PDB file of N, CA and C in Angstrom:
ATOM      1  N   MET A   1     139.344  75.998 138.870  1.00  0.00           N
ATOM      2  CA  MET A   1     138.161  75.587 138.405  1.00  0.00           C
ATOM      3  C   MET A   1     137.446  74.550 139.150  1.00  0.00           C
ATOM      4  N   SER A   2     136.098  74.906 139.628  1.00  0.00           N
ATOM      5  CA  SER A   2     135.759  73.710 140.586  1.00  0.00           C
ATOM      6  C   SER A   2     135.153  72.586 139.586  1.00  0.00           C
ATOM      7  N   THR A   3     134.450  71.763 140.503  1.00  0.00           N
ATOM      8  CA  THR A   3     134.287  70.743 139.657  1.00  0.00           C
ATOM      9  C   THR A   3     133.121  70.587 138.977  1.00  0.00           C
ATOM     10  N   GLY A   4     132.383  71.758 140.288  1.00  0.00           N
ATOM     11  CA  GLY A   4     130.552  71.714 139.590  1.00  0.00           C
ATOM     12  C   GLY A   4     130.543  72.673 138.832  1.00  0.00           C
ATOM     13  N   LEU A   5     131.505  73.642 138.419  1.00  0.00           N
ATOM     14  CA  LEU A   5     131.598  74.555 137.333  1.00  0.00           C
ATOM     15  C   LEU A   5     131.994  74.031 136.092  1.00  0.00           C
ATOM     16  N   ILE A   6     132.584  72.759 135.927  1.00  0.00           N
ATOM     17  CA  ILE A   6     132.729  72.208 134.764  1.00  0.00           C
ATOM     18  C   ILE A   6     131.952  71.281 134.431  1.00  0.00           C
ATOM     19  N   ILE A   7     130.826  71.033 135.353  1.00  0.00           N
ATOM     20  CA  ILE A   7     129.553  70.212 135.220  1.00  0.00           C
ATOM     21  C   ILE A   7     128.586  70.924 134.456  1.00  0.00           C
ATOM     22  N   VAL A   8     128.598  71.747 134.925  1.00  0.00           N
ATOM     23  CA  VAL A   8     127.658  72.255 134.815  1.00  0.00           C
ATOM     24  C   VAL A   8     128.545  73.110 132.937  1.00  0.00           C
ATOM     25  N   ILE A   9     129.290  73.391 132.947  1.00  0.00           N
ATOM     26  CA  ILE A   9     129.434  73.513 131.559  1.00  0.00           C
ATOM     27  C   ILE A   9     129.399  72.609 130.854  1.00  0.00           C
ATOM     28  N   VAL A  10     129.846  71.400 130.709  1.00  0.00           N
ATOM     29  CA  VAL A  10     130.172  70.082 130.165  1.00  0.00           C
ATOM     30  C   VAL A  10     128.249  69.870 129.928  1.00  0.00           C
ATOM     31  N   VAL A  11     127.832  69.961 131.008  1.00  0.00           N
ATOM     32  CA  VAL A  11     126.220  69.765 130.536  1.00  0.00           C
ATOM     33  C   VAL A  11     125.308  70.808 129.761  1.00  0.00           C
ATOM     34  N   ALA A  12     125.966  72.168 129.710  1.00  0.00           N
ATOM     35  CA  ALA A  12     125.459  73.151 128.700  1.00  0.00           C
ATOM     36  C   ALA A  12     126.194  72.841 127.410  1.00  0.00           C
ATOM     37  N   ALA A  13     127.288  72.550 127.711  1.00  0.00           N
ATOM     38  CA  ALA A  13     127.741  72.291 126.042  1.00  0.00           C
ATOM     39  C   ALA A  13     126.694  70.742 125.207  1.00  0.00           C
ATOM     40  N   VAL A  14     126.614  69.819 126.229  1.00  0.00           N
ATOM     41  CA  VAL A  14     125.705  68.981 125.539  1.00  0.00           C
ATOM     42  C   VAL A  14     124.089  69.394 125.365  1.00  0.00           C
ATOM     43  N   LEU A  15     123.725  70.260 125.927  1.00  0.00           N
ATOM     44  CA  LEU A  15     122.657  70.708 126.033  1.00  0.00           C
ATOM     45  C   LEU A  15     122.377  71.243 124.602  1.00  0.00           C
ATOM     46  N   LEU A  16     123.217  72.168 124.312  1.00  0.00           N
ATOM     47  CA  LEU A  16     123.580  73.261 123.364  1.00  0.00           C
ATOM     48  C   LEU A  16     123.304  72.590 122.125  1.00  0.00           C
ATOM     49  N   ILE A  17     124.403  71.453 122.286  1.00  0.00           N
ATOM     50  CA  ILE A  17     124.877  70.476 120.689  1.00  0.00           C
ATOM     51  C   ILE A  17     123.373  69.752 120.564  1.00  0.00           C
ATOM     52  N   ALA A  18     122.582  69.382 121.279  1.00  0.00           N
ATOM     53  CA  ALA A  18     121.677  68.378 121.338  1.00  0.00           C
ATOM     54  C   ALA A  18     120.767  69.318 120.972  1.00  0.00           C
ATOM     55  N   LEU A  19     120.674  70.474 121.352  1.00  0.00           N
ATOM     56  CA  LEU A  19     119.626  71.640 120.490  1.00  0.00           C
ATOM     57  C   LEU A  19     119.659  71.872 119.201  1.00  0.00           C
ATOM     58  N   LEU A  20     121.446  72.237 118.914  1.00  0.00           N
ATOM     59  CA  LEU A  20     121.672  72.610 117.566  1.00  0.00           C
ATOM     60  C   LEU A  20     121.255  71.456 116.594  1.00  0.00           C
ATOM     61  N   GLY A  21     121.654  70.283 117.207  1.00  0.00           N
ATOM     62  CA  GLY A  21     121.176  68.987 116.187  1.00  0.00           C
ATOM     63  C   GLY A  21     119.648  68.954 115.860  1.00  0.00           C
ATOM     64  N   PHE A  22     118.670  69.210 116.934  1.00  0.00           N
ATOM     65  CA  PHE A  22     117.492  69.217 116.724  1.00  0.00           C
ATOM     66  C   PHE A  22     116.853  70.400 115.948  1.00  0.00           C
ATOM     67  N   LEU A  23     117.410  71.069 116.230  1.00  0.00           N
ATOM     68  CA  LEU A  23     117.044  72.228 115.196  1.00  0.00           C
ATOM     69  C   LEU A  23     117.819  72.291 113.712  1.00  0.00           C
ATOM     70  N   LEU A  24     118.860  71.795 113.388  1.00  0.00           N
ATOM     71  CA  LEU A  24     119.318  71.369 112.020  1.00  0.00           C
ATOM     72  C   LEU A  24     118.495  70.537 111.182  1.00  0.00           C
ATOM     73  N   THR A  25     118.213  69.547 112.065  1.00  0.00           N
ATOM     74  CA  THR A  25     117.308  68.152 111.810  1.00  0.00           C
ATOM     75  C   THR A  25     116.173  69.102 111.705  1.00  0.00           C
ATOM     76  N   ARG A  26     115.235  69.337 112.158  1.00  0.00           N
ATOM     77  CA  ARG A  26     114.131  70.157 111.799  1.00  0.00           C
ATOM     78  C   ARG A  26     114.161  71.165 110.487  1.00  0.00           C
ATOM     79  N   ALA A  27     115.292  71.544 110.441  1.00  0.00           N
ATOM     80  CA  ALA A  27     115.523  72.492 109.158  1.00  0.00           C
ATOM     81  C   ALA A  27     115.447  71.757 108.385  1.00  0.00           C
ATOM     82  N   GLY A  28     116.183  70.808 108.239  1.00  0.00           N
ATOM     83  CA  GLY A  28     116.591  70.047 106.845  1.00  0.00           C
ATOM     84  C   GLY A  28     115.095  69.069 106.727  1.00  0.00           C
ATOM     85  N   SER A  29     114.804  68.693 107.888  1.00  0.00           N
ATOM     86  CA  SER A  29     112.647  68.096 107.349  1.00  0.00           C
ATOM     87  C   SER A  29     111.922  69.340 106.948  1.00  0.00           C
ATOM     88  N   LEU A  30     111.960  70.441 107.102  1.00  0.00           N
ATOM     89  CA  LEU A  30     110.664  71.994 106.345  1.00  0.00           C
ATOM     90  C   LEU A  30     111.321  71.490 105.510  1.00  0.00           C
ATOM     91  N   ALA A  31     113.111  71.652 104.962  1.00  0.00           N
ATOM     92  CA  ALA A  31     113.095  71.526 103.728  1.00  0.00           C
ATOM     93  C   ALA A  31     112.889  71.070 103.065  1.00  0.00           C
ATOM     94  N   GLU A  32     112.690  69.331 103.109  1.00  0.00           N
ATOM     95  CA  GLU A  32     112.701  68.082 102.612  1.00  0.00           C
ATOM     96  C   GLU A  32     110.999  68.191 102.421  1.00  0.00           C
ATOM     97  N   ARG A  33     110.444  68.878 103.163  1.00  0.00           N
ATOM     98  CA  ARG A  33     108.679  68.880 102.826  1.00  0.00           C
ATOM     99  C   ARG A  33     108.397  69.971 102.116  1.00  0.00           C
ATOM    100  N   ARG A  34     109.119  71.038 101.772  1.00  0.00           N
ATOM    101  CA  ARG A  34     109.263  71.822 100.633  1.00  0.00           C
ATOM    102  C   ARG A  34     109.166  71.658  99.285  1.00  0.00           C
ATOM    103  N   ARG A  35     110.440  70.294  99.310  1.00  0.00           N
ATOM    104  CA  ARG A  35     110.995  70.049  98.115  1.00  0.00           C
ATOM    105  C   ARG A  35     109.838  68.736  97.687  1.00  0.00           C
ATOM    106  N   LEU A  36     109.214  68.316  98.385  1.00  0.00           N
ATOM    107  CA  LEU A  36     108.173  67.275  98.289  1.00  0.00           C
ATOM    108  C   LEU A  36     106.726  67.985  97.920  1.00  0.00           C
ATOM    109  N   LYS A  37     106.565  69.039  98.478  1.00  0.00           N
ATOM    110  CA  LYS A  37     105.353  69.714  97.988  1.00  0.00           C
ATOM    111  C   LYS A  37     105.589  70.150  96.594  1.00  0.00           C
ATOM    112  N   GLN A  38     106.467  70.690  96.314  1.00  0.00           N
ATOM    113  CA  GLN A  38     106.897  71.320  95.013  1.00  0.00           C
ATOM    114  C   GLN A  38     106.835  69.775  93.364  1.00  0.00           C
ATOM    115  N   ARG A  39     107.377  68.808  94.565  1.00  0.00           N
ATOM    116  CA  ARG A  39     107.412  67.671  93.378  1.00  0.00           C
ATOM    117  C   ARG A  39     106.095  67.370  93.244  1.00  0.00           C
ATOM    118  N   ARG A  40     105.225  67.209  94.518  1.00  0.00           N
ATOM    119  CA  ARG A  40     103.651  66.634  94.068  1.00  0.00           C
ATOM    120  C   ARG A  40     103.151  67.796  93.009  1.00  0.00           C
ATOM    121  N   LYS A  41     103.313  69.088  93.404  1.00  0.00           N
ATOM    122  CA  LYS A  41     102.892  70.056  92.171  1.00  0.00           C
ATOM    123  C   LYS A  41     103.238  70.240  91.047  1.00  0.00           C
ATOM    124  N   GLN A  42     104.766  69.306  90.786  1.00  0.00           N
ATOM    125  CA  GLN A  42     104.671  68.842  89.376  1.00  0.00           C
ATOM    126  C   GLN A  42     104.236  67.380  88.605  1.00  0.00           C
ATOM    127  N   ALA A  43     104.332  66.886  89.828  1.00  0.00           N
ATOM    128  CA  ALA A  43     103.107  65.715  89.243  1.00  0.00           C
ATOM    129  C   ALA A  43     101.676  65.807  88.856  1.00  0.00           C
ATOM    130  N   ILE A  44     101.463  66.817  89.672  1.00  0.00           N
ATOM    131  CA  ILE A  44      99.552  67.184  89.278  1.00  0.00           C
ATOM    132  C   ILE A  44      99.917  67.487  88.419  1.00  0.00           C
ATOM    133  N   ALA A  45     100.731  69.032  88.078  1.00  0.00           N
ATOM    134  CA  ALA A  45     100.546  69.184  86.230  1.00  0.00           C
ATOM    135  C   ALA A  45     101.000  68.189  85.465  1.00  0.00           C
ATOM    136  N   ARG A  46     101.854  67.774  85.463  1.00  0.00           N
ATOM    137  CA  ARG A  46     102.105  66.708  84.344  1.00  0.00           C
ATOM    138  C   ARG A  46     100.898  65.757  84.321  1.00  0.00           C
ATOM    139  N   HIS A  47     100.576  64.927  85.751  1.00  0.00           N
ATOM    140  CA  HIS A  47      98.961  64.188  85.165  1.00  0.00           C
ATOM    141  C   HIS A  47      97.868  64.870  84.147  1.00  0.00           C
ATOM    142  N   GLU A  48      97.544  66.148  84.665  1.00  0.00           N
ATOM    143  CA  GLU A  48      97.015  67.460  84.300  1.00  0.00           C
ATOM    144  C   GLU A  48      96.336  67.191  82.462  1.00  0.00           C
ATOM    145  N   GLU A  49      97.744  67.590  82.568  1.00  0.00           N
ATOM    146  CA  GLU A  49      98.517  68.274  80.866  1.00  0.00           C
ATOM    147  C   GLU A  49      97.834  66.911  80.488  1.00  0.00           C
ATOM    148  N   GLN A  50      98.454  65.122  80.587  1.00  0.00           N
ATOM    149  CA  GLN A  50      98.403  64.472  80.139  1.00  0.00           C
ATOM    150  C   GLN A  50      96.827  63.712  80.106  1.00  0.00           C
ATOM    151  N   ALA A  51      96.226  64.243  81.285  1.00  0.00           N
ATOM    152  CA  ALA A  51      94.539  63.543  80.932  1.00  0.00           C
ATOM    153  C   ALA A  51      94.162  64.985  79.720  1.00  0.00           C
ATOM    154  N   GLU A  52      94.187  66.059  80.020  1.00  0.00           N
ATOM    155  CA  GLU A  52      93.782  66.653  79.092  1.00  0.00           C
ATOM    156  C   GLU A  52      93.934  66.098  77.558  1.00  0.00           C
ATOM    157  N   ALA A  53      95.558  65.588  77.492  1.00  0.00           N
ATOM    158  CA  ALA A  53      95.562  65.544  75.845  1.00  0.00           C
ATOM    159  C   ALA A  53      94.949  64.174  75.446  1.00  0.00           C
ATOM    160  N   ARG A  54      95.169  63.595  76.671  1.00  0.00           N
ATOM    161  CA  ARG A  54      94.095  61.966  75.859  1.00  0.00           C
ATOM    162  C   ARG A  54      92.690  62.443  75.811  1.00  0.00           C
ATOM    163  N   THR A  55      91.764  63.443  77.043  1.00  0.00           N
ATOM    164  CA  THR A  55      90.742  63.755  76.266  1.00  0.00           C
ATOM    165  C   THR A  55      90.245  64.275  74.826  1.00  0.00           C
ATOM    166  N   ARG A  56      91.487  65.393  74.782  1.00  0.00           N
ATOM    167  CA  ARG A  56      91.124  65.866  73.455  1.00  0.00           C
ATOM    168  C   ARG A  56      91.236  64.302  72.147  1.00  0.00           C
ATOM    169  N   SER A  57      92.211  63.593  72.578  1.00  0.00           N
ATOM    170  CA  SER A  57      92.344  62.690  71.518  1.00  0.00           C
ATOM    171  C   SER A  57      91.344  61.566  71.455  1.00  0.00           C
ATOM    172  N   ALA A  58      90.712  61.605  72.820  1.00  0.00           N
ATOM    173  CA  ALA A  58      89.435  60.483  73.002  1.00  0.00           C
ATOM    174  C   ALA A  58      88.198  61.458  72.507  1.00  0.00           C
ATOM    175  N   GLU A  59      87.878  62.987  71.985  1.00  0.00           N
ATOM    176  CA  GLU A  59      86.859  63.610  72.011  1.00  0.00           C
ATOM    177  C   GLU A  59      87.250  63.283  70.170  1.00  0.00           C
ATOM    178  N   GLU A  60      88.646  63.416  69.857  1.00  0.00           N
ATOM    179  CA  GLU A  60      88.569  63.656  68.026  1.00  0.00           C
ATOM    180  C   GLU A  60      88.237  62.100  67.599  1.00  0.00           C
ATOM    181  N   ALA A  61      88.935  60.991  68.194  1.00  0.00           N
ATOM    182  CA  ALA A  61      88.608  59.917  67.843  1.00  0.00           C
ATOM    183  C   ALA A  61      87.198  59.486  67.822  1.00  0.00           C
ATOM    184  N   GLU A  62      86.393  60.353  68.447  1.00  0.00           N
ATOM    185  CA  GLU A  62      84.984  59.512  68.682  1.00  0.00           C
ATOM    186  C   GLU A  62      83.874  60.498  67.420  1.00  0.00           C
ATOM    187  N   ARG A  63      84.959  61.862  67.227  1.00  0.00           N
ATOM    188  CA  ARG A  63      84.333  62.393  66.155  1.00  0.00           C
ATOM    189  C   ARG A  63      84.439  61.566  64.601  1.00  0.00           C
ATOM    190  N   ARG A  64      85.713  61.209  64.951  1.00  0.00           N
ATOM    191  CA  ARG A  64      86.013  60.164  63.550  1.00  0.00           C
ATOM    192  C   ARG A  64      84.841  58.761  63.917  1.00  0.00           C
ATOM    193  N   ALA A  65      84.656  58.258  64.560  1.00  0.00           N
ATOM    194  CA  ALA A  65      84.234  57.346  64.687  1.00  0.00           C
ATOM    195  C   ALA A  65      82.826  57.317  64.142  1.00  0.00           C
ATOM    196  N   ARG A  66      82.089  58.678  64.640  1.00  0.00           N
ATOM    197  CA  ARG A  66      81.009  59.138  64.407  1.00  0.00           C
ATOM    198  C   ARG A  66      80.930  59.473  63.155  1.00  0.00           C
ATOM    199  N   ILE A  67      81.665  60.124  62.502  1.00  0.00           N
ATOM    200  CA  ILE A  67      81.570  60.459  61.031  1.00  0.00           C
ATOM    201  C   ILE A  67      81.548  58.555  59.845  1.00  0.00           C
ATOM    202  N   ALA A  68      82.884  58.001  60.301  1.00  0.00           N
ATOM    203  CA  ALA A  68      82.285  56.436  59.943  1.00  0.00           C
ATOM    204  C   ALA A  68      81.251  55.863  60.195  1.00  0.00           C
ATOM    205  N   ILE A  69      80.677  55.597  61.329  1.00  0.00           N
ATOM    206  CA  ILE A  69      79.443  55.637  61.009  1.00  0.00           C
ATOM    207  C   ILE A  69      78.109  56.077  60.451  1.00  0.00           C
ATOM    208  N   GLN A  70      78.411  57.128  60.131  1.00  0.00           N
ATOM    209  CA  GLN A  70      77.548  57.711  59.144  1.00  0.00           C
ATOM    210  C   GLN A  70      77.824  57.652  57.750  1.00  0.00           C
ATOM    211  N   GLU A  71      78.897  57.328  57.355  1.00  0.00           N
ATOM    212  CA  GLU A  71      79.496  56.628  56.198  1.00  0.00           C
ATOM    213  C   GLU A  71      78.603  55.332  55.361  1.00  0.00           C
ATOM    214  N   ALA A  72      78.844  54.469  56.521  1.00  0.00           N
ATOM    215  CA  ALA A  72      78.730  53.439  56.420  1.00  0.00           C
ATOM    216  C   ALA A  72      77.037  53.497  56.600  1.00  0.00           C
ATOM    217  N   GLU A  73      76.526  54.328  57.149  1.00  0.00           N
ATOM    218  CA  GLU A  73      74.944  54.518  57.073  1.00  0.00           C
ATOM    219  C   GLU A  73      74.523  54.786  55.632  1.00  0.00           C
ATOM    220  N   ARG A  74      75.412  55.545  54.999  1.00  0.00           N
ATOM    221  CA  ARG A  74      75.098  56.432  54.129  1.00  0.00           C
ATOM    222  C   ARG A  74      75.009  54.825  52.792  1.00  0.00           C
ATOM    223  N   GLU A  75      76.171  54.324  52.905  1.00  0.00           N
ATOM    224  CA  GLU A  75      76.397  52.794  51.972  1.00  0.00           C
ATOM    225  C   GLU A  75      75.484  52.291  51.790  1.00  0.00           C
ATOM    226  N   ARG A  76      75.085  51.656  53.335  1.00  0.00           N
ATOM    227  CA  ARG A  76      73.427  50.597  53.685  1.00  0.00           C
ATOM    228  C   ARG A  76      72.477  51.578  52.629  1.00  0.00           C
ATOM    229  N   ALA A  77      72.414  52.633  53.114  1.00  0.00           N
ATOM    230  CA  ALA A  77      71.220  53.118  52.444  1.00  0.00           C
ATOM    231  C   ALA A  77      71.636  52.602  51.018  1.00  0.00           C
ATOM    232  N   GLU A  78      72.590  53.424  50.144  1.00  0.00           N
ATOM    233  CA  GLU A  78      72.502  52.962  48.846  1.00  0.00           C
ATOM    234  C   GLU A  78      72.822  51.636  48.358  1.00  0.00           C
ATOM    235  N   ALA A  79      73.274  50.994  49.095  1.00  0.00           N
ATOM    236  CA  ALA A  79      72.651  49.195  48.321  1.00  0.00           C
ATOM    237  C   ALA A  79      71.255  49.140  48.828  1.00  0.00           C
ATOM    238  N   ARG A  80      70.693  49.759  49.854  1.00  0.00           N
ATOM    239  CA  ARG A  80      69.122  49.389  49.561  1.00  0.00           C
ATOM    240  C   ARG A  80      68.824  50.021  48.321  1.00  0.00           C
ATOM    241  N   VAL A  81      69.169  51.088  48.006  1.00  0.00           N
ATOM    242  CA  VAL A  81      67.998  51.600  46.735  1.00  0.00           C
ATOM    243  C   VAL A  81      68.369  50.868  45.905  1.00  0.00           C
ATOM    244  N   HIS A  82      69.758  50.466  45.462  1.00  0.00           N
ATOM    245  CA  HIS A  82      70.136  49.276  44.188  1.00  0.00           C
ATOM    246  C   HIS A  82      68.947  47.780  44.740  1.00  0.00           C
ATOM    247  N   ARG A  83      69.095  47.535  45.799  1.00  0.00           N
ATOM    248  CA  ARG A  83      68.669  45.865  46.123  1.00  0.00           C
ATOM    249  C   ARG A  83      67.013  46.524  45.674  1.00  0.00           C
ATOM    250  N   GLU A  84      66.307  47.751  45.687  1.00  0.00           N
ATOM    251  CA  GLU A  84      65.156  47.892  45.334  1.00  0.00           C
ATOM    252  C   GLU A  84      65.251  48.108  43.623  1.00  0.00           C
ATOM    253  N   ARG A  85      66.084  48.934  43.436  1.00  0.00           N
ATOM    254  CA  ARG A  85      66.021  48.865  41.929  1.00  0.00           C
ATOM    255  C   ARG A  85      66.362  47.649  41.344  1.00  0.00           C
ATOM    256  N   ALA A  86      67.135  46.822  41.788  1.00  0.00           N
ATOM    257  CA  ALA A  86      67.157  45.109  41.297  1.00  0.00           C
ATOM    258  C   ALA A  86      65.699  44.506  41.502  1.00  0.00           C
ATOM    259  N   ALA A  87      65.088  44.579  42.369  1.00  0.00           N
ATOM    260  CA  ALA A  87      64.137  43.759  42.603  1.00  0.00           C
ATOM    261  C   ALA A  87      62.515  44.628  41.367  1.00  0.00           C
ATOM    262  N   LEU A  88      62.609  46.141  41.491  1.00  0.00           N
ATOM    263  CA  LEU A  88      61.694  46.500  40.267  1.00  0.00           C
ATOM    264  C   LEU A  88      62.345  45.877  39.292  1.00  0.00           C
ATOM    265  N   HIS A  89      63.273  45.981  38.654  1.00  0.00           N
ATOM    266  CA  HIS A  89      63.882  45.177  37.080  1.00  0.00           C
ATOM    267  C   HIS A  89      63.411  43.681  37.161  1.00  0.00           C
ATOM    268  N   ASP A  90      63.527  43.223  38.428  1.00  0.00           N
ATOM    269  CA  ASP A  90      63.096  41.709  38.514  1.00  0.00           C
ATOM    270  C   ASP A  90      61.671  41.107  38.130  1.00  0.00           C
ATOM    271  N   ARG A  91      60.735  42.243  38.635  1.00  0.00           N
ATOM    272  CA  ARG A  91      59.452  42.284  38.670  1.00  0.00           C
ATOM    273  C   ARG A  91      59.013  42.819  37.254  1.00  0.00           C
ATOM    274  N   GLY A  92      59.964  43.837  36.603  1.00  0.00           N
ATOM    275  CA  GLY A  92      59.761  44.081  35.298  1.00  0.00           C
ATOM    276  C   GLY A  92      59.428  45.479  35.481  1.00  0.00           C
ATOM    277  N   PHE A  93      58.895  46.080  36.513  1.00  0.00           N
ATOM    278  CA  PHE A  93      58.011  47.049  36.812  1.00  0.00           C
ATOM    279  C   PHE A  93      59.412  48.630  36.726  1.00  0.00           C
ATOM    280  N   ALA A  94      60.483  48.165  36.143  1.00  0.00           N
ATOM    281  CA  ALA A  94      61.188  49.105  36.120  1.00  0.00           C
ATOM    282  C   ALA A  94      61.903  49.317  34.738  1.00  0.00           C
ATOM    283  N   ASP A  95      61.444  48.668  33.681  1.00  0.00           N
ATOM    284  CA  ASP A  95      61.644  48.285  31.810  1.00  0.00           C
ATOM    285  C   ASP A  95      61.285  49.384  31.061  1.00  0.00           C
ATOM    286  N   GLN A  96      60.408  50.745  31.863  1.00  0.00           N
ATOM    287  CA  GLN A  96      60.791  52.196  31.156  1.00  0.00           C
ATOM    288  C   GLN A  96      62.198  52.752  31.336  1.00  0.00           C
ATOM    289  N   GLU A  97      62.539  51.822  32.152  1.00  0.00           N
ATOM    290  CA  GLU A  97      64.631  52.769  32.499  1.00  0.00           C
ATOM    291  C   GLU A  97      65.035  52.407  31.566  1.00  0.00           C
ATOM    292  N   LEU A  98      64.819  50.969  31.326  1.00  0.00           N
ATOM    293  CA  LEU A  98      65.599  50.522  30.327  1.00  0.00           C
ATOM    294  C   LEU A  98      65.328  50.741  29.045  1.00  0.00           C
ATOM    295  N   THR A  99      64.457  50.873  28.769  1.00  0.00           N
ATOM    296  CA  THR A  99      63.620  51.742  26.823  1.00  0.00           C
ATOM    297  C   THR A  99      64.453  53.274  27.006  1.00  0.00           C
ATOM    298  N   ARG A 100      64.607  53.594  27.950  1.00  0.00           N
ATOM    299  CA  ARG A 100      64.860  55.311  27.887  1.00  0.00           C
ATOM    300  C   ARG A 100      66.276  55.050  27.397  1.00  0.00           C
ATOM    301  N   SER A 101      67.346  54.425  28.577  1.00  0.00           N
ATOM    302  CA  SER A 101      68.724  54.237  28.514  1.00  0.00           C
ATOM    303  C   SER A 101      68.518  53.572  26.928  1.00  0.00           C
ATOM    304  N   SER A 102      68.360  52.631  26.312  1.00  0.00           N
ATOM    305  CA  SER A 102      68.441  52.083  25.250  1.00  0.00           C
ATOM    306  C   SER A 102      68.385  53.355  24.178  1.00  0.00           C
ATOM    307  N   HIS A 103      67.026  54.061  24.242  1.00  0.00           N
ATOM    308  CA  HIS A 103      67.339  55.199  23.236  1.00  0.00           C
ATOM    309  C   HIS A 103      67.947  55.964  23.513  1.00  0.00           C
ATOM    310  N   ARG A 104      68.653  56.458  24.465  1.00  0.00           N
ATOM    311  CA  ARG A 104      69.795  57.831  24.775  1.00  0.00           C
ATOM    312  C   ARG A 104      70.954  57.208  24.306  1.00  0.00           C
ATOM    313  N   SER A 105      70.901  55.610  24.322  1.00  0.00           N
ATOM    314  CA  SER A 105      72.185  55.865  23.268  1.00  0.00           C
ATOM    315  C   SER A 105      72.333  55.734  22.155  1.00  0.00           C
ATOM    316  N   GLU A 106      70.769  54.840  21.630  1.00  0.00           N
ATOM    317  CA  GLU A 106      71.198  55.279  19.845  1.00  0.00           C
ATOM    318  C   GLU A 106      71.098  56.405  19.723  1.00  0.00           C
ATOM    319  N   ASP A 107      70.559  57.145  20.285  1.00  0.00           N
ATOM    320  CA  ASP A 107      71.162  58.949  20.334  1.00  0.00           C
ATOM    321  C   ASP A 107      72.509  59.425  19.687  1.00  0.00           C
ATOM    322  N   THR A 108      73.103  58.208  20.566  1.00  0.00           N
ATOM    323  CA  THR A 108      74.489  59.179  20.670  1.00  0.00           C
ATOM    324  C   THR A 108      75.244  58.587  19.256  1.00  0.00           C
TER     325      THR A 108
END
């Protein structure tokens, strides 16, 4: 064989190996990109599920808070009613209630 032919074969083999290495690296890179894209989708789905669960939990807590506020307002209103009745008794304007209740207790 001539020296020139050996050089051409060696150069072709080196180029073929380099091309094969490049293609394998590129194929691995594409596979890694696909895996990364899949992981991103999974992370997005997980975060969206958690966001929805926390939103539902927050809405439920807000409902409970509104109920607690309404119950507290009702208690305050009942306290005002009792204060007003106490003021009526203090001024002597509710004596008829006292006499009615004493007549009822005597009837029983």
